[in-house]
C-alpha atoms as a PDB file:
ATOM      1  CA  MET A   1      -5.512   9.704  40.027  1.00  0.00           C
ATOM      2  CA  ASN A   2      -8.897  10.846  40.253  1.00  0.00           C
ATOM      3  CA  PHE A   3     -11.725  10.720  37.525  1.00  0.00           C
ATOM      4  CA  SER A   4     -10.888  13.825  35.617  1.00  0.00           C
ATOM      5  CA  GLN A   5      -7.390  12.119  35.323  1.00  0.00           C
ATOM      6  CA  GLN A   6      -8.785   8.895  34.233  1.00  0.00           C
ATOM      7  CA  GLN A   7     -11.286  10.112  31.963  1.00  0.00           C
ATOM      8  CA  VAL A   8      -8.374  12.010  29.814  1.00  0.00           C
ATOM      9  CA  SER A   9      -6.560   9.151  29.870  1.00  0.00           C
ATOM     10  CA  THR A  10      -9.191   6.875  28.234  1.00  0.00           C
ATOM     11  CA  GLN A  11      -9.827   9.654  25.712  1.00  0.00           C
ATOM     12  CA  GLN A  12      -6.142   9.339  25.027  1.00  0.00           C
ATOM     13  CA  GLU A  13      -5.814   5.491  24.713  1.00  0.00           C
ATOM     14  CA  ILE A  14      -8.854   3.727  23.288  1.00  0.00           C
ATOM     15  CA  ALA A  15      -9.480   0.659  21.577  1.00  0.00           C
ATOM     16  CA  PRO A  16      -7.994   1.368  17.681  1.00  0.00           C
ATOM     17  CA  ASN A  17     -11.337  -0.366  16.311  1.00  0.00           C
ATOM     18  CA  ARG A  18     -12.401   2.684  14.743  1.00  0.00           C
ATOM     19  CA  VAL A  19      -9.086   3.105  13.354  1.00  0.00           C
ATOM     20  CA  LEU A  20      -8.919  -0.048  11.689  1.00  0.00           C
ATOM     21  CA  ALA A  21     -12.695   0.405  10.722  1.00  0.00           C
ATOM     22  CA  PHE A  22     -11.915   3.507   9.186  1.00  0.00           C
ATOM     23  CA  SER A  23      -8.520   2.160   7.095  1.00  0.00           C
ATOM     24  CA  ASP A  24     -10.682  -0.261   5.762  1.00  0.00           C
ATOM     25  CA  GLY A  25     -13.232   1.467   4.535  1.00  0.00           C
ATOM     26  CA  VAL A  26     -10.111   3.864   2.312  1.00  0.00           C
ATOM     27  CA  PHE A  27      -8.537   0.302   1.151  1.00  0.00           C
ATOM     28  CA  ALA A  28     -11.789  -0.507  -0.206  1.00  0.00           C
ATOM     29  CA  PHE A  29     -12.404   2.535  -1.834  1.00  0.00           C
ATOM     30  CA  ALA A  30      -9.200   3.000  -3.229  1.00  0.00           C
ATOM     31  CA  ILE A  31      -8.731  -0.532  -5.088  1.00  0.00           C
ATOM     32  CA  THR A  32     -12.343  -0.506  -6.420  1.00  0.00           C
ATOM     33  CA  LEU A  33     -11.964   2.543  -7.884  1.00  0.00           C
ATOM     34  CA  LEU A  34      -8.949   0.828 -10.060  1.00  0.00           C
ATOM     35  CA  ILE A  35     -10.943  -0.653 -12.637  1.00  0.00           C
ATOM     36  CA  LEU A  36     -12.583   2.369 -13.426  1.00  0.00           C
ATOM     37  CA  ASN A  37      -9.594   2.738 -15.622  1.00  0.00           C
ATOM     38  CA  ILE A  38     -10.173  -0.267 -17.715  1.00  0.00           C
ATOM     39  CA  HIS A  39     -12.233   1.569 -20.764  1.00  0.00           C
ATOM     40  CA  VAL A  40     -15.063  -0.511 -22.257  1.00  0.00           C
ATOM     41  CA  PRO A  41     -13.941  -0.202 -26.089  1.00  0.00           C
ATOM     42  CA  LEU A  42     -17.416   1.500 -27.812  1.00  0.00           C
ATOM     43  CA  PRO A  43     -19.175  -0.192 -31.393  1.00  0.00           C
ATOM     44  CA  GLN A  44     -18.457   3.424 -32.360  1.00  0.00           C
ATOM     45  CA  GLU A  45     -15.012   3.359 -31.468  1.00  0.00           C
ATOM     46  CA  LEU A  46     -14.357   0.236 -33.228  1.00  0.00           C
ATOM     47  CA  LEU A  47     -16.068   1.233 -36.546  1.00  0.00           C
ATOM     48  CA  THR A  48     -13.824   4.816 -36.704  1.00  0.00           C
ATOM     49  CA  THR A  49     -10.360   2.596 -35.590  1.00  0.00           C
ATOM     50  CA  LYS A  50     -11.558  -0.263 -38.177  1.00  0.00           C
ATOM     51  CA  LYS A  51     -10.750  -2.556 -35.310  1.00  0.00           C
ATOM     52  CA  SER A  52     -11.887  -5.717 -33.866  1.00  0.00           C
ATOM     53  CA  LEU A  53     -12.978  -6.179 -29.733  1.00  0.00           C
ATOM     54  CA  LEU A  54     -10.532  -8.032 -29.237  1.00  0.00           C
ATOM     55  CA  ASP A  55      -7.687  -5.445 -30.942  1.00  0.00           C
ATOM     56  CA  ALA A  56      -9.169  -2.701 -28.754  1.00  0.00           C
ATOM     57  CA  LEU A  57      -8.983  -4.941 -25.557  1.00  0.00           C
ATOM     58  CA  GLY A  58      -5.300  -6.102 -26.168  1.00  0.00           C
ATOM     59  CA  GLU A  59      -4.005  -2.512 -27.009  1.00  0.00           C
ATOM     60  CA  GLN A  60      -5.136  -1.841 -22.984  1.00  0.00           C
ATOM     61  CA  TRP A  61      -2.380  -4.405 -21.840  1.00  0.00           C
ATOM     62  CA  PRO A  62      -0.350  -1.410 -19.843  1.00  0.00           C
ATOM     63  CA  THR A  63      -4.202  -0.636 -18.209  1.00  0.00           C
ATOM     64  CA  TYR A  64      -4.083  -4.303 -16.421  1.00  0.00           C
ATOM     65  CA  LEU A  65      -0.231  -4.530 -16.021  1.00  0.00           C
ATOM     66  CA  SER A  66      -0.917  -1.627 -13.837  1.00  0.00           C
ATOM     67  CA  PHE A  67      -4.650  -2.655 -12.681  1.00  0.00           C
ATOM     68  CA  LEU A  68      -2.944  -6.673 -11.459  1.00  0.00           C
ATOM     69  CA  LEU A  69       0.272  -4.993  -9.848  1.00  0.00           C
ATOM     70  CA  SER A  70      -1.939  -2.113  -7.969  1.00  0.00           C
ATOM     71  CA  PHE A  71      -4.650  -4.531  -7.024  1.00  0.00           C
ATOM     72  CA  LEU A  72      -1.895  -6.448  -5.455  1.00  0.00           C
ATOM     73  CA  ILE A  73       0.253  -3.970  -3.679  1.00  0.00           C
ATOM     74  CA  VAL A  74      -2.776  -2.307  -2.297  1.00  0.00           C
ATOM     75  CA  GLY A  75      -4.075  -6.008  -0.870  1.00  0.00           C
ATOM     76  CA  ILE A  76      -0.990  -6.538   0.459  1.00  0.00           C
ATOM     77  CA  VAL A  77      -0.237  -3.508   2.411  1.00  0.00           C
ATOM     78  CA  TRP A  78      -4.240  -4.062   3.602  1.00  0.00           C
ATOM     79  CA  GLY A  79      -3.689  -7.533   4.683  1.00  0.00           C
ATOM     80  CA  ASN A  80      -0.246  -6.068   6.431  1.00  0.00           C
ATOM     81  CA  HIS A  81      -1.844  -3.217   8.120  1.00  0.00           C
ATOM     82  CA  HIS A  82      -4.590  -6.184   9.628  1.00  0.00           C
ATOM     83  CA  THR A  83      -1.666  -8.483  10.703  1.00  0.00           C
ATOM     84  CA  MET A  84      -0.199  -5.160  12.555  1.00  0.00           C
ATOM     85  CA  PHE A  85      -3.397  -3.976  13.929  1.00  0.00           C
ATOM     86  CA  SER A  86      -3.819  -7.608  15.352  1.00  0.00           C
ATOM     87  CA  TYR A  87      -0.978  -6.590  17.731  1.00  0.00           C
ATOM     88  CA  ILE A  88      -1.937  -2.881  18.612  1.00  0.00           C
ATOM     89  CA  LYS A  89      -4.586  -2.881  21.523  1.00  0.00           C
ATOM     90  CA  ARG A  90      -5.112   0.400  22.107  1.00  0.00           C
ATOM     91  CA  SER A  91      -4.496   3.934  20.034  1.00  0.00           C
ATOM     92  CA  ASN A  92      -4.116   7.531  20.367  1.00  0.00           C
ATOM     93  CA  HIS A  93      -3.751  10.630  18.726  1.00  0.00           C
ATOM     94  CA  ALA A  94       0.103  10.087  17.302  1.00  0.00           C
ATOM     95  CA  LEU A  95      -1.291   6.660  15.677  1.00  0.00           C
ATOM     96  CA  VAL A  96      -4.308   7.698  14.507  1.00  0.00           C
ATOM     97  CA  VAL A  97      -1.983  10.961  12.624  1.00  0.00           C
ATOM     98  CA  LEU A  98       0.442   8.393  11.522  1.00  0.00           C
ATOM     99  CA  ASN A  99      -2.520   5.806  10.205  1.00  0.00           C
ATOM    100  CA  LEU A 100      -3.883   8.561   8.139  1.00  0.00           C
ATOM    101  CA  LEU A 101      -0.263   9.670   6.717  1.00  0.00           C
ATOM    102  CA  LEU A 102      -0.399   5.997   5.594  1.00  0.00           C
ATOM    103  CA  LEU A 103      -3.854   5.752   4.104  1.00  0.00           C
ATOM    104  CA  LEU A 104      -2.656   9.317   1.745  1.00  0.00           C
ATOM    105  CA  SER A 105      -0.990   7.017   0.153  1.00  0.00           C
ATOM    106  CA  ILE A 106      -3.353   3.806  -0.497  1.00  0.00           C
ATOM    107  CA  VAL A 107      -6.005   7.213  -1.766  1.00  0.00           C
ATOM    108  CA  VAL A 108      -3.618   8.510  -4.296  1.00  0.00           C
ATOM    109  CA  LEU A 109      -3.793   4.580  -5.658  1.00  0.00           C
ATOM    110  CA  PRO A 110      -6.030   5.173  -8.671  1.00  0.00           C
ATOM    111  CA  PHE A 111      -4.403   8.246 -10.000  1.00  0.00           C
ATOM    112  CA  ILE A 112      -0.897   6.384  -9.999  1.00  0.00           C
ATOM    113  CA  ALA A 113      -2.509   3.386 -11.501  1.00  0.00           C
ATOM    114  CA  ALA A 114      -3.336   5.327 -13.994  1.00  0.00           C
ATOM    115  CA  LEU A 115      -0.756   7.479 -14.825  1.00  0.00           C
ATOM    116  CA  LEU A 116       1.847   4.481 -15.236  1.00  0.00           C
ATOM    117  CA  ALA A 117      -1.310   2.622 -17.183  1.00  0.00           C
ATOM    118  CA  LEU A 118      -1.262   5.810 -19.413  1.00  0.00           C
ATOM    119  CA  TYR A 119       2.658   6.005 -19.708  1.00  0.00           C
ATOM    120  CA  ILE A 120       3.968   2.494 -19.892  1.00  0.00           C
ATOM    121  CA  GLY A 121       5.835   2.071 -23.464  1.00  0.00           C
ATOM    122  CA  THR A 122       6.008   5.392 -23.785  1.00  0.00           C
ATOM    123  CA  PRO A 123       8.977   8.658 -23.586  1.00  0.00           C
ATOM    124  CA  GLU A 124       7.645   9.575 -20.188  1.00  0.00           C
ATOM    125  CA  GLN A 125       7.472   6.106 -18.801  1.00  0.00           C
ATOM    126  CA  GLN A 126      10.530   7.181 -16.581  1.00  0.00           C
ATOM    127  CA  THR A 127       8.691   9.595 -15.460  1.00  0.00           C
ATOM    128  CA  ALA A 128       5.620   7.533 -14.421  1.00  0.00           C
ATOM    129  CA  VAL A 129       7.613   4.968 -12.737  1.00  0.00           C
ATOM    130  CA  LEU A 130       9.326   7.422 -10.762  1.00  0.00           C
ATOM    131  CA  ILE A 131       6.063   8.638  -9.122  1.00  0.00           C
ATOM    132  CA  TYR A 132       4.339   5.182  -8.703  1.00  0.00           C
ATOM    133  CA  SER A 133       7.660   3.683  -7.303  1.00  0.00           C
ATOM    134  CA  GLY A 134       7.888   7.124  -5.209  1.00  0.00           C
ATOM    135  CA  VAL A 135       4.779   7.126  -3.601  1.00  0.00           C
ATOM    136  CA  TRP A 136       5.031   3.490  -2.428  1.00  0.00           C
ATOM    137  CA  ALA A 137       7.895   3.956  -0.516  1.00  0.00           C
ATOM    138  CA  ILE A 138       6.983   7.217   1.203  1.00  0.00           C
ATOM    139  CA  GLY A 139       3.794   5.286   1.950  1.00  0.00           C
ATOM    140  CA  GLY A 140       6.345   2.455   3.282  1.00  0.00           C
ATOM    141  CA  PHE A 141       7.908   5.134   5.308  1.00  0.00           C
ATOM    142  CA  PHE A 142       4.750   6.049   7.437  1.00  0.00           C
ATOM    143  CA  TYR A 143       3.864   2.034   7.642  1.00  0.00           C
ATOM    144  CA  ASN A 144       7.041   1.558   9.172  1.00  0.00           C
ATOM    145  CA  MET A 145       6.844   4.943  10.955  1.00  0.00           C
ATOM    146  CA  LEU A 146       3.194   3.935  12.673  1.00  0.00           C
ATOM    147  CA  TRP A 147       4.810   0.506  13.051  1.00  0.00           C
ATOM    148  CA  TRP A 148       7.729   1.711  15.093  1.00  0.00           C
ATOM    149  CA  TYR A 149       5.434   4.225  17.350  1.00  0.00           C
ATOM    150  CA  SER A 150       2.923   1.312  18.304  1.00  0.00           C
ATOM    151  CA  SER A 151       6.035  -1.095  19.093  1.00  0.00           C
ATOM    152  CA  TRP A 152       8.792   1.048  20.812  1.00  0.00           C
ATOM    153  CA  ASN A 153       8.740  -0.315  23.966  1.00  0.00           C
ATOM    154  CA  HIS A 154       5.214  -1.724  23.491  1.00  0.00           C
ATOM    155  CA  ARG A 155       3.890   1.269  24.096  1.00  0.00           C
ATOM    156  CA  LEU A 156       0.469   0.455  22.218  1.00  0.00           C
ATOM    157  CA  LEU A 157       0.773  -3.851  21.479  1.00  0.00           C
ATOM    158  CA  ASP A 158      -0.947  -6.677  23.575  1.00  0.00           C
ATOM    159  CA  LYS A 159       2.077  -6.477  26.706  1.00  0.00           C
ATOM    160  CA  ASP A 160       2.448 -10.708  26.289  1.00  0.00           C
ATOM    161  CA  LEU A 161       3.455 -10.250  22.751  1.00  0.00           C
ATOM    162  CA  PRO A 162       7.248 -11.399  22.692  1.00  0.00           C
ATOM    163  CA  LEU A 163       9.635  -9.510  21.975  1.00  0.00           C
ATOM    164  CA  GLU A 164      11.359 -11.639  19.252  1.00  0.00           C
ATOM    165  CA  THR A 165       7.669 -11.408  17.206  1.00  0.00           C
ATOM    166  CA  VAL A 166       7.826  -7.677  17.139  1.00  0.00           C
ATOM    167  CA  ARG A 167      11.495  -7.560  16.094  1.00  0.00           C
ATOM    168  CA  ARG A 168      10.405 -10.372  13.310  1.00  0.00           C
ATOM    169  CA  LEU A 169       7.744  -8.111  11.653  1.00  0.00           C
ATOM    170  CA  THR A 170       9.969  -4.290  12.408  1.00  0.00           C
ATOM    171  CA  ARG A 171      12.719  -6.765  10.272  1.00  0.00           C
ATOM    172  CA  ARG A 172      10.040  -7.611   7.402  1.00  0.00           C
ATOM    173  CA  TYR A 173       7.694  -4.060   7.345  1.00  0.00           C
ATOM    174  CA  LEU A 174      11.940  -2.704   6.114  1.00  0.00           C
ATOM    175  CA  PHE A 175      11.616  -4.582   2.881  1.00  0.00           C
ATOM    176  CA  GLY A 176       8.805  -2.502   1.544  1.00  0.00           C
ATOM    177  CA  PRO A 177      10.126   0.987   1.239  1.00  0.00           C
ATOM    178  CA  LEU A 178      13.776  -0.034   1.002  1.00  0.00           C
ATOM    179  CA  PHE A 179      12.643  -1.931  -2.104  1.00  0.00           C
ATOM    180  CA  TYR A 180      10.587   0.909  -3.261  1.00  0.00           C
ATOM    181  CA  MET A 181      13.435   3.517  -2.719  1.00  0.00           C
ATOM    182  CA  LEU A 182      15.500   1.592  -4.830  1.00  0.00           C
ATOM    183  CA  ALA A 183      12.850   1.154  -7.634  1.00  0.00           C
ATOM    184  CA  PHE A 184      13.177   4.754  -7.773  1.00  0.00           C
ATOM    185  CA  GLY A 185      16.556   4.817  -8.100  1.00  0.00           C
ATOM    186  CA  LEU A 186      16.648   2.773 -10.576  1.00  0.00           C
ATOM    187  CA  SER A 187      14.282   4.789 -12.756  1.00  0.00           C
ATOM    188  CA  PHE A 188      15.913   7.410 -11.785  1.00  0.00           C
ATOM    189  CA  PHE A 189      19.657   6.432 -13.123  1.00  0.00           C
ATOM    190  CA  TRP A 190      18.518   4.326 -15.869  1.00  0.00           C
ATOM    191  CA  ASN A 191      15.323   3.656 -16.654  1.00  0.00           C
ATOM    192  CA  GLY A 192      11.673   2.856 -16.138  1.00  0.00           C
ATOM    193  CA  THR A 193      11.526  -0.475 -17.124  1.00  0.00           C
ATOM    194  CA  LEU A 194      14.234  -1.619 -14.692  1.00  0.00           C
ATOM    195  CA  GLY A 195      12.702  -0.120 -11.538  1.00  0.00           C
ATOM    196  CA  LEU A 196       8.928  -1.063 -12.744  1.00  0.00           C
ATOM    197  CA  GLY A 197      10.116  -4.651 -12.943  1.00  0.00           C
ATOM    198  CA  LEU A 198      11.256  -4.105  -9.322  1.00  0.00           C
ATOM    199  CA  CYS A 199       7.954  -3.077  -8.138  1.00  0.00           C
ATOM    200  CA  ILE A 200       6.421  -6.655  -9.653  1.00  0.00           C
ATOM    201  CA  LEU A 201       8.732  -8.743  -7.829  1.00  0.00           C
ATOM    202  CA  LEU A 202       8.337  -7.189  -4.750  1.00  0.00           C
ATOM    203  CA  ALA A 203       4.531  -7.543  -4.725  1.00  0.00           C
ATOM    204  CA  LEU A 204       5.414 -10.773  -5.892  1.00  0.00           C
ATOM    205  CA  ALA A 205       7.155 -11.387  -3.366  1.00  0.00           C
ATOM    206  CA  TYR A 206       4.720 -10.477  -0.695  1.00  0.00           C
ATOM    207  CA  LEU A 207       2.408 -13.226  -1.840  1.00  0.00           C
ATOM    208  CA  LEU A 208       4.874 -15.501   0.349  1.00  0.00           C
ATOM    209  CA  PRO A 209       3.721 -16.914   3.277  1.00  0.00           C
ATOM    210  CA  THR A 210       4.331 -13.703   5.767  1.00  0.00           C
ATOM    211  CA  VAL A 211       5.783 -13.506   9.269  1.00  0.00           C
ATOM    212  CA  ALA A 212       2.972 -13.455  11.117  1.00  0.00           C
ATOM    213  CA  ASP A 213       1.772 -16.661   9.486  1.00  0.00           C
ATOM    214  CA  ARG A 214       5.252 -18.341  10.142  1.00  0.00           C
ATOM    215  CA  VAL A 215       4.887 -17.127  14.086  1.00  0.00           C
ATOM    216  CA  ARG A 216       1.321 -18.546  14.393  1.00  0.00           C
ATOM    217  CA  SER A 217       1.470 -21.740  13.113  1.00  0.00           C
END
């Protein structure tokens, strides 16, 4: 291989540090914006509605639910993303594109969280949950695409990574999009409450120790 070929190869496959750093910035920005959905009741509003501050805060329970659920989900995705990139040792153009597609589902998070908060408990709850679970299902699909591309024949992974570890992570990552698709289906064919409940259960389930933790212990 001559010098020019080596230079092209270096440009095509480099350490994924910048990809990870950019992704961390997107995750941090999106998760921070979630708090802006929670409204601080103004004194003038309390006088106009003749409500106490406690009542006004209590009426925002759908916003609190949406905030906590979305915070947990994006935090879990961020944690799994870091786990994935601890095994990915090289990056190329395809990985960057797939990672950007995953981040697309993250940057729309404040919008779908606000939508969910606004329509929980209303006749339009079903549509809101459909959009919410649908975005996460699409994000989960791109997450798996990113992992499958990187792990196929150890394309971008550490060459010494055991195959069984790759298989365990692959199986674990499949649960996300499958369950969000199920939540979407429940919301579409029955009602949004079932779909929302499944999203909550999935978030709680992913708080349990991860495969990566068990592999490394």
